[in-house]
N, C-alpha and C. Protein backbone atom coordinates (compact mmCIF):
# COMPACT_ATOMS: atom_id res chain seq x y z
N MET A 1 8.51 0.95 -4.88
CA MET A 1 8.09 2.31 -4.71
C MET A 1 7.89 2.91 -6.08
N ALA A 2 6.82 3.71 -6.16
CA ALA A 2 6.53 4.43 -7.40
C ALA A 2 6.08 5.84 -7.03
N VAL A 3 6.63 6.81 -7.71
CA VAL A 3 6.25 8.21 -7.47
C VAL A 3 5.40 8.65 -8.66
N ARG A 4 4.17 8.99 -8.38
CA ARG A 4 3.23 9.45 -9.40
C ARG A 4 3.04 10.96 -9.24
N ASP A 5 2.29 11.56 -10.14
CA ASP A 5 2.06 13.01 -10.06
C ASP A 5 1.38 13.42 -8.76
N ASP A 6 0.42 12.61 -8.31
CA ASP A 6 -0.38 13.01 -7.15
C ASP A 6 -0.24 12.10 -5.94
N HIS A 7 0.54 11.01 -6.06
CA HIS A 7 0.72 10.11 -4.92
C HIS A 7 2.01 9.29 -5.06
N VAL A 8 2.38 8.69 -3.94
CA VAL A 8 3.53 7.79 -3.88
C VAL A 8 2.99 6.43 -3.46
N GLU A 9 3.44 5.38 -4.14
CA GLU A 9 3.04 4.01 -3.80
C GLU A 9 4.25 3.28 -3.25
N VAL A 10 4.08 2.61 -2.12
CA VAL A 10 5.17 1.82 -1.57
C VAL A 10 4.62 0.47 -1.12
N GLY A 11 5.32 -0.60 -1.52
CA GLY A 11 4.95 -1.95 -1.12
C GLY A 11 5.92 -2.44 -0.06
N VAL A 12 5.40 -3.11 0.95
CA VAL A 12 6.25 -3.58 2.05
C VAL A 12 5.93 -5.02 2.41
N VAL A 13 6.89 -5.69 2.99
CA VAL A 13 6.72 -7.00 3.60
C VAL A 13 6.92 -6.79 5.09
N LEU A 14 5.96 -7.22 5.88
CA LEU A 14 6.00 -6.99 7.33
C LEU A 14 6.20 -8.27 8.10
N ARG A 15 6.75 -8.13 9.28
CA ARG A 15 6.89 -9.25 10.19
C ARG A 15 5.60 -9.36 11.00
N TYR A 16 5.10 -10.56 11.18
CA TYR A 16 3.89 -10.82 11.94
C TYR A 16 4.06 -10.35 13.38
N GLY A 17 3.00 -9.77 13.92
CA GLY A 17 3.03 -9.44 15.34
C GLY A 17 2.33 -8.14 15.68
N ARG A 18 2.42 -7.15 14.83
CA ARG A 18 1.75 -5.87 15.09
C ARG A 18 0.57 -5.73 14.15
N PRO A 19 -0.44 -4.97 14.55
CA PRO A 19 -1.58 -4.75 13.65
C PRO A 19 -1.13 -4.07 12.36
N LEU A 20 -1.54 -4.63 11.23
CA LEU A 20 -1.11 -4.12 9.94
C LEU A 20 -1.49 -2.66 9.71
N PRO A 21 -2.72 -2.23 10.06
CA PRO A 21 -3.06 -0.82 9.85
C PRO A 21 -2.17 0.12 10.66
N GLU A 22 -1.76 -0.32 11.84
CA GLU A 22 -0.88 0.51 12.68
C GLU A 22 0.48 0.68 12.02
N VAL A 23 1.03 -0.40 11.50
CA VAL A 23 2.34 -0.34 10.84
C VAL A 23 2.25 0.49 9.56
N ALA A 24 1.19 0.29 8.78
CA ALA A 24 1.02 1.06 7.55
C ALA A 24 0.92 2.55 7.85
N ALA A 25 0.19 2.90 8.92
CA ALA A 25 0.07 4.32 9.29
C ALA A 25 1.42 4.89 9.72
N GLU A 26 2.21 4.10 10.42
CA GLU A 26 3.54 4.54 10.84
C GLU A 26 4.44 4.79 9.63
N ILE A 27 4.38 3.89 8.67
CA ILE A 27 5.17 4.06 7.43
C ILE A 27 4.71 5.31 6.69
N ARG A 28 3.40 5.48 6.59
CA ARG A 28 2.82 6.65 5.91
C ARG A 28 3.30 7.94 6.56
N ARG A 29 3.26 7.99 7.90
CA ARG A 29 3.72 9.19 8.62
C ARG A 29 5.20 9.44 8.38
N GLY A 30 5.99 8.39 8.34
CA GLY A 30 7.43 8.55 8.12
C GLY A 30 7.77 9.04 6.73
N LEU A 31 6.98 8.63 5.74
CA LEU A 31 7.26 9.01 4.36
C LEU A 31 6.61 10.33 3.96
N ALA A 32 5.60 10.76 4.68
CA ALA A 32 4.87 11.99 4.32
C ALA A 32 5.79 13.19 4.12
N PRO A 33 6.75 13.45 5.02
CA PRO A 33 7.62 14.62 4.81
C PRO A 33 8.50 14.51 3.56
N LEU A 34 8.67 13.31 3.04
CA LEU A 34 9.53 13.09 1.88
C LEU A 34 8.75 13.01 0.57
N SER A 35 7.42 13.08 0.65
CA SER A 35 6.58 12.80 -0.51
C SER A 35 6.24 14.03 -1.34
N GLY A 36 6.73 15.18 -0.96
CA GLY A 36 6.46 16.38 -1.74
C GLY A 36 5.00 16.77 -1.78
N GLY A 37 4.28 16.50 -0.69
CA GLY A 37 2.86 16.85 -0.63
C GLY A 37 1.94 15.83 -1.27
N ARG A 38 2.50 14.77 -1.81
CA ARG A 38 1.68 13.72 -2.42
C ARG A 38 1.11 12.80 -1.34
N ALA A 39 -0.03 12.19 -1.62
CA ALA A 39 -0.58 11.16 -0.74
C ALA A 39 0.36 9.96 -0.77
N VAL A 40 0.47 9.25 0.33
CA VAL A 40 1.32 8.06 0.41
C VAL A 40 0.41 6.84 0.55
N HIS A 41 0.49 5.92 -0.41
CA HIS A 41 -0.30 4.69 -0.39
C HIS A 41 0.64 3.53 -0.03
N VAL A 42 0.33 2.85 1.07
CA VAL A 42 1.15 1.73 1.52
C VAL A 42 0.40 0.44 1.22
N SER A 43 1.08 -0.47 0.54
CA SER A 43 0.51 -1.77 0.20
C SER A 43 1.30 -2.85 0.93
N VAL A 44 0.62 -3.63 1.78
CA VAL A 44 1.27 -4.74 2.47
C VAL A 44 1.25 -5.93 1.52
N GLU A 45 2.42 -6.28 1.00
CA GLU A 45 2.55 -7.33 -0.01
C GLU A 45 2.61 -8.72 0.60
N ASP A 46 3.15 -8.80 1.82
CA ASP A 46 3.27 -10.10 2.48
C ASP A 46 3.50 -9.88 3.96
N VAL A 47 3.22 -10.91 4.74
CA VAL A 47 3.49 -10.92 6.17
C VAL A 47 4.27 -12.20 6.45
N VAL A 48 5.42 -12.07 7.11
CA VAL A 48 6.27 -13.22 7.38
C VAL A 48 6.40 -13.43 8.88
N ALA A 49 6.60 -14.68 9.25
CA ALA A 49 6.88 -15.01 10.64
C ALA A 49 8.36 -14.76 10.88
N GLY A 50 8.67 -14.12 11.98
CA GLY A 50 10.06 -13.81 12.28
C GLY A 50 10.36 -14.06 13.75
N LEU A 51 11.62 -14.12 14.06
CA LEU A 51 12.05 -14.35 15.43
C LEU A 51 12.39 -13.07 16.16
N GLY A 52 12.22 -11.92 15.51
CA GLY A 52 12.50 -10.66 16.16
C GLY A 52 13.93 -10.18 15.96
N ASP A 53 14.78 -11.02 15.37
CA ASP A 53 16.18 -10.63 15.15
C ASP A 53 16.52 -10.56 13.68
N GLY A 54 15.47 -10.53 12.85
CA GLY A 54 15.68 -10.49 11.41
C GLY A 54 15.75 -11.86 10.78
N THR A 55 15.72 -12.91 11.61
CA THR A 55 15.77 -14.27 11.12
C THR A 55 14.36 -14.78 10.87
N ARG A 56 14.16 -15.44 9.77
CA ARG A 56 12.86 -16.03 9.46
C ARG A 56 12.78 -17.45 9.98
N THR A 57 11.60 -17.85 10.37
CA THR A 57 11.41 -19.25 10.78
C THR A 57 11.31 -20.10 9.54
N ALA A 58 11.60 -21.38 9.69
CA ALA A 58 11.47 -22.31 8.58
C ALA A 58 10.01 -22.54 8.28
N SER A 59 9.64 -22.63 7.00
CA SER A 59 8.25 -22.90 6.65
C SER A 59 8.11 -24.15 5.84
C-alpha cells in the first residue's frame, strides 16, 4: 500500500474463482471511506489456487 497526494495504491493477491474486476471493485469500495477523498488504485499482483479454507494447493 502506498498513500500519495491524490491517490492510494494497494496491491493484492487473490484466490482464483471470482471475476477479478468484481473483487477489485469490492476492495475499492471498502477502502474509499478510508482514503481521505483520494482515488483508490487496486493492482492484482497474483492469483492463487485455493481450497476455500485458506489452504493453497500444491503446485
